[in-house]
């Protein structure tokens, strides 16, 4: 029993390290995008363009949430149907 928990502990440490590495690389690419948006929208003359970019970001953010919610609801219905 002790050996099994030690192996599981090592696996969780490896997963944590891999997650940290992936998180680091995602952070690097996100800084580049922010710099590009800031450079494109610099100044007060681009207010309409800034609002359009903000609307686009919200639109792109909503789609994945709707997909995950739809898949979650589908799984919920399948499990509820299976339990009957």
N, C-alpha and C. Protein backbone atom coordinates (compact mmCIF):
# COMPACT_ATOMS: atom_id res chain seq x y z
N UNK A 1 0.82 -1.19 0.00
CA UNK A 1 0.00 0.00 0.00
C UNK A 1 0.87 1.26 0.00
N UNK A 2 1.95 1.25 0.76
CA UNK A 2 2.84 2.40 0.81
C UNK A 2 3.51 2.64 -0.54
N UNK A 3 3.89 1.57 -1.21
CA UNK A 3 4.56 1.70 -2.50
C UNK A 3 3.61 2.31 -3.53
N UNK A 4 2.36 1.88 -3.50
CA UNK A 4 1.39 2.40 -4.45
C UNK A 4 1.18 3.90 -4.26
N UNK A 5 1.08 4.35 -3.02
CA UNK A 5 0.87 5.77 -2.77
C UNK A 5 2.11 6.58 -3.15
N UNK A 6 3.30 5.99 -2.99
CA UNK A 6 4.53 6.68 -3.37
C UNK A 6 4.60 6.88 -4.89
N UNK A 7 4.18 5.85 -5.64
CA UNK A 7 4.16 5.95 -7.10
C UNK A 7 3.15 7.00 -7.54
N UNK A 8 1.98 7.01 -6.92
CA UNK A 8 0.97 8.01 -7.26
C UNK A 8 1.46 9.41 -6.94
N UNK A 9 2.22 9.55 -5.85
CA UNK A 9 2.76 10.85 -5.48
C UNK A 9 3.76 11.33 -6.54
N UNK A 10 4.58 10.42 -7.03
CA UNK A 10 5.54 10.78 -8.06
C UNK A 10 4.83 11.17 -9.35
N UNK A 11 3.77 10.46 -9.69
CA UNK A 11 3.01 10.80 -10.90
C UNK A 11 2.39 12.19 -10.78
N UNK A 12 1.88 12.52 -9.60
CA UNK A 12 1.28 13.83 -9.43
C UNK A 12 2.33 14.94 -9.51
N UNK A 13 3.55 14.66 -9.04
CA UNK A 13 4.62 15.64 -9.15
C UNK A 13 4.99 15.87 -10.61
N UNK A 14 5.05 14.80 -11.39
CA UNK A 14 5.38 14.91 -12.81
C UNK A 14 4.29 15.70 -13.52
N UNK A 15 3.03 15.44 -13.19
CA UNK A 15 1.93 16.19 -13.81
C UNK A 15 2.02 17.67 -13.47
N UNK A 16 2.39 17.97 -12.22
CA UNK A 16 2.49 19.37 -11.80
C UNK A 16 3.61 20.08 -12.57
N UNK A 17 4.74 19.39 -12.75
CA UNK A 17 5.85 19.99 -13.49
C UNK A 17 5.46 20.23 -14.95
N UNK A 18 4.81 19.24 -15.57
CA UNK A 18 4.39 19.40 -16.96
C UNK A 18 3.38 20.54 -17.11
N UNK A 19 2.47 20.65 -16.15
CA UNK A 19 1.50 21.75 -16.17
C UNK A 19 2.23 23.09 -16.06
N UNK A 20 3.22 23.16 -15.19
CA UNK A 20 3.98 24.40 -15.02
C UNK A 20 4.70 24.79 -16.30
N UNK A 21 5.29 23.82 -16.97
CA UNK A 21 6.00 24.10 -18.22
C UNK A 21 5.02 24.60 -19.28
N UNK A 22 3.88 23.93 -19.43
CA UNK A 22 2.87 24.35 -20.41
C UNK A 22 2.35 25.75 -20.07
N UNK A 23 2.11 26.02 -18.80
CA UNK A 23 1.61 27.32 -18.38
C UNK A 23 2.62 28.41 -18.71
N UNK A 24 3.90 28.11 -18.56
CA UNK A 24 4.95 29.08 -18.87
C UNK A 24 4.94 29.43 -20.35
N UNK A 25 4.83 28.43 -21.22
CA UNK A 25 4.85 28.70 -22.65
C UNK A 25 3.59 29.42 -23.12
N UNK A 26 2.45 29.13 -22.52
CA UNK A 26 1.22 29.85 -22.88
C UNK A 26 1.35 31.31 -22.47
N UNK A 27 1.96 31.56 -21.33
CA UNK A 27 2.16 32.92 -20.87
C UNK A 27 3.03 33.72 -21.81
N UNK A 28 4.05 33.09 -22.37
CA UNK A 28 4.94 33.78 -23.29
C UNK A 28 4.18 34.22 -24.54
N UNK A 29 3.38 33.35 -25.11
CA UNK A 29 2.66 33.71 -26.33
C UNK A 29 1.57 34.74 -26.07
N UNK A 30 0.98 34.75 -24.88
CA UNK A 30 -0.06 35.72 -24.60
C UNK A 30 0.50 37.13 -24.46
N UNK A 31 1.73 37.28 -24.01
CA UNK A 31 2.32 38.61 -23.94
C UNK A 31 2.48 39.20 -25.33
N UNK A 32 2.82 38.38 -26.30
CA UNK A 32 2.99 38.87 -27.66
C UNK A 32 1.67 39.40 -28.21
N UNK A 33 0.59 38.71 -27.95
CA UNK A 33 -0.71 39.15 -28.43
C UNK A 33 -1.10 40.47 -27.78
N UNK A 34 -0.88 40.61 -26.50
CA UNK A 34 -1.24 41.86 -25.83
C UNK A 34 -0.45 43.03 -26.39
N UNK A 35 0.82 42.82 -26.69
CA UNK A 35 1.63 43.90 -27.25
C UNK A 35 1.13 44.29 -28.63
N UNK A 36 0.71 43.32 -29.42
CA UNK A 36 0.19 43.63 -30.75
C UNK A 36 -1.11 44.41 -30.66
N UNK A 37 -1.98 44.02 -29.77
CA UNK A 37 -3.25 44.75 -29.62
C UNK A 37 -3.00 46.16 -29.12
N UNK A 38 -2.11 46.29 -28.16
CA UNK A 38 -1.82 47.62 -27.62
C UNK A 38 -1.23 48.52 -28.70
N UNK A 39 -0.34 47.99 -29.52
CA UNK A 39 0.27 48.81 -30.58
C UNK A 39 -0.77 49.19 -31.63
N UNK A 40 -1.69 48.29 -31.94
CA UNK A 40 -2.70 48.57 -32.96
C UNK A 40 -3.72 49.58 -32.48
N UNK A 41 -3.96 49.64 -31.18
CA UNK A 41 -5.02 50.49 -30.65
C UNK A 41 -4.49 51.69 -29.88
N UNK A 42 -3.23 51.99 -30.01
CA UNK A 42 -2.64 53.11 -29.27
C UNK A 42 -3.22 54.44 -29.75
N UNK A 43 -3.50 55.32 -28.82
CA UNK A 43 -4.00 56.65 -29.16
C UNK A 43 -5.49 56.77 -28.95
N UNK A 44 -5.94 58.01 -28.89
CA UNK A 44 -7.36 58.30 -28.66
C UNK A 44 -8.18 58.26 -29.94
N UNK A 45 -7.54 58.29 -31.09
CA UNK A 45 -8.26 58.35 -32.36
C UNK A 45 -8.88 56.99 -32.73
N UNK A 46 -8.48 55.94 -32.08
CA UNK A 46 -8.95 54.60 -32.44
C UNK A 46 -10.02 54.06 -31.50
N UNK A 47 -10.91 54.90 -30.98
CA UNK A 47 -11.92 54.44 -30.03
C UNK A 47 -12.89 53.44 -30.65
N UNK A 48 -13.32 53.68 -31.86
CA UNK A 48 -14.25 52.75 -32.52
C UNK A 48 -13.56 51.41 -32.78
N UNK A 49 -12.30 51.48 -33.18
CA UNK A 49 -11.55 50.24 -33.44
C UNK A 49 -11.32 49.48 -32.13
N UNK A 50 -11.05 50.19 -31.04
CA UNK A 50 -10.85 49.55 -29.74
C UNK A 50 -12.13 48.85 -29.28
N UNK A 51 -13.27 49.50 -29.48
CA UNK A 51 -14.54 48.87 -29.11
C UNK A 51 -14.80 47.64 -29.95
N UNK A 52 -14.45 47.68 -31.22
CA UNK A 52 -14.63 46.53 -32.09
C UNK A 52 -13.75 45.36 -31.65
N UNK A 53 -12.51 45.66 -31.26
CA UNK A 53 -11.62 44.61 -30.77
C UNK A 53 -12.16 44.02 -29.48
N UNK A 54 -12.65 44.84 -28.57
CA UNK A 54 -13.23 44.35 -27.32
C UNK A 54 -14.45 43.46 -27.57
N UNK A 55 -15.30 43.87 -28.52
CA UNK A 55 -16.45 43.05 -28.86
C UNK A 55 -16.03 41.71 -29.45
N UNK A 56 -14.99 41.73 -30.26
CA UNK A 56 -14.47 40.49 -30.84
C UNK A 56 -13.92 39.56 -29.78
N UNK A 57 -13.25 40.12 -28.79
CA UNK A 57 -12.71 39.30 -27.71
C UNK A 57 -13.85 38.65 -26.93
N UNK A 58 -14.88 39.39 -26.64
CA UNK A 58 -16.03 38.82 -25.92
C UNK A 58 -16.69 37.73 -26.75
N UNK A 59 -16.84 37.96 -28.04
CA UNK A 59 -17.43 36.95 -28.92
C UNK A 59 -16.60 35.68 -28.92
N UNK A 60 -15.29 35.82 -29.05
CA UNK A 60 -14.42 34.65 -29.05
C UNK A 60 -14.41 33.94 -27.70
N UNK A 61 -14.66 34.66 -26.63
CA UNK A 61 -14.67 34.07 -25.30
C UNK A 61 -15.96 33.27 -25.05
N UNK A 62 -17.07 33.70 -25.62
CA UNK A 62 -18.36 33.07 -25.35
C UNK A 62 -18.47 31.71 -26.04
N UNK A 63 -17.97 31.55 -27.22
CA UNK A 63 -18.13 30.32 -27.99
C UNK A 63 -17.62 29.08 -27.25
N UNK A 64 -16.41 29.07 -26.70
CA UNK A 64 -15.96 27.86 -25.98
C UNK A 64 -16.83 27.54 -24.77
N UNK A 65 -17.29 28.57 -24.06
CA UNK A 65 -18.15 28.31 -22.91
C UNK A 65 -19.47 27.67 -23.34
N UNK A 66 -20.03 28.12 -24.43
CA UNK A 66 -21.27 27.51 -24.92
C UNK A 66 -21.04 26.06 -25.35
N UNK A 67 -19.93 25.79 -25.99
CA UNK A 67 -19.63 24.41 -26.40
C UNK A 67 -19.46 23.50 -25.18
N UNK A 68 -18.73 23.94 -24.18
CA UNK A 68 -18.53 23.13 -22.98
C UNK A 68 -19.85 22.93 -22.24
N UNK A 69 -20.67 23.97 -22.16
CA UNK A 69 -21.97 23.84 -21.51
C UNK A 69 -22.86 22.86 -22.26
N UNK A 70 -22.84 22.91 -23.59
CA UNK A 70 -23.64 21.97 -24.38
C UNK A 70 -23.19 20.53 -24.19
N UNK A 71 -21.89 20.31 -24.19
CA UNK A 71 -21.37 18.96 -23.98
C UNK A 71 -21.70 18.47 -22.57
N UNK A 72 -21.57 19.36 -21.58
CA UNK A 72 -21.92 19.00 -20.20
C UNK A 72 -23.39 18.63 -20.07
N UNK A 73 -24.26 19.39 -20.71
CA UNK A 73 -25.69 19.09 -20.65
C UNK A 73 -25.99 17.75 -21.34
N UNK A 74 -25.33 17.48 -22.45
CA UNK A 74 -25.51 16.21 -23.16
C UNK A 74 -25.08 15.03 -22.29
N UNK A 75 -23.95 15.16 -21.62
CA UNK A 75 -23.48 14.09 -20.73
C UNK A 75 -24.44 13.92 -19.57
N UNK A 76 -24.94 15.02 -19.01
CA UNK A 76 -25.91 14.95 -17.92
C UNK A 76 -27.16 14.20 -18.36
N UNK A 77 -27.66 14.52 -19.55
CA UNK A 77 -28.85 13.82 -20.06
C UNK A 77 -28.59 12.34 -20.27
N UNK A 78 -27.41 12.00 -20.78
CA UNK A 78 -27.08 10.58 -20.99
C UNK A 78 -27.04 9.83 -19.68
N UNK A 79 -26.43 10.41 -18.65
CA UNK A 79 -26.34 9.74 -17.35
C UNK A 79 -27.70 9.62 -16.69
N UNK A 80 -28.52 10.66 -16.82
CA UNK A 80 -29.85 10.61 -16.23
C UNK A 80 -30.71 9.56 -16.95
N UNK A 81 -30.59 9.47 -18.26
CA UNK A 81 -31.35 8.48 -19.03
C UNK A 81 -30.88 7.07 -18.68
N UNK A 82 -29.58 6.91 -18.46
CA UNK A 82 -29.03 5.60 -18.14
C UNK A 82 -29.47 5.13 -16.75
N UNK A 83 -29.65 6.06 -15.82
CA UNK A 83 -30.04 5.68 -14.46
C UNK A 83 -31.51 5.27 -14.36
N UNK A 84 -32.33 5.65 -15.32
CA UNK A 84 -33.75 5.28 -15.29
C UNK A 84 -33.99 3.87 -15.65
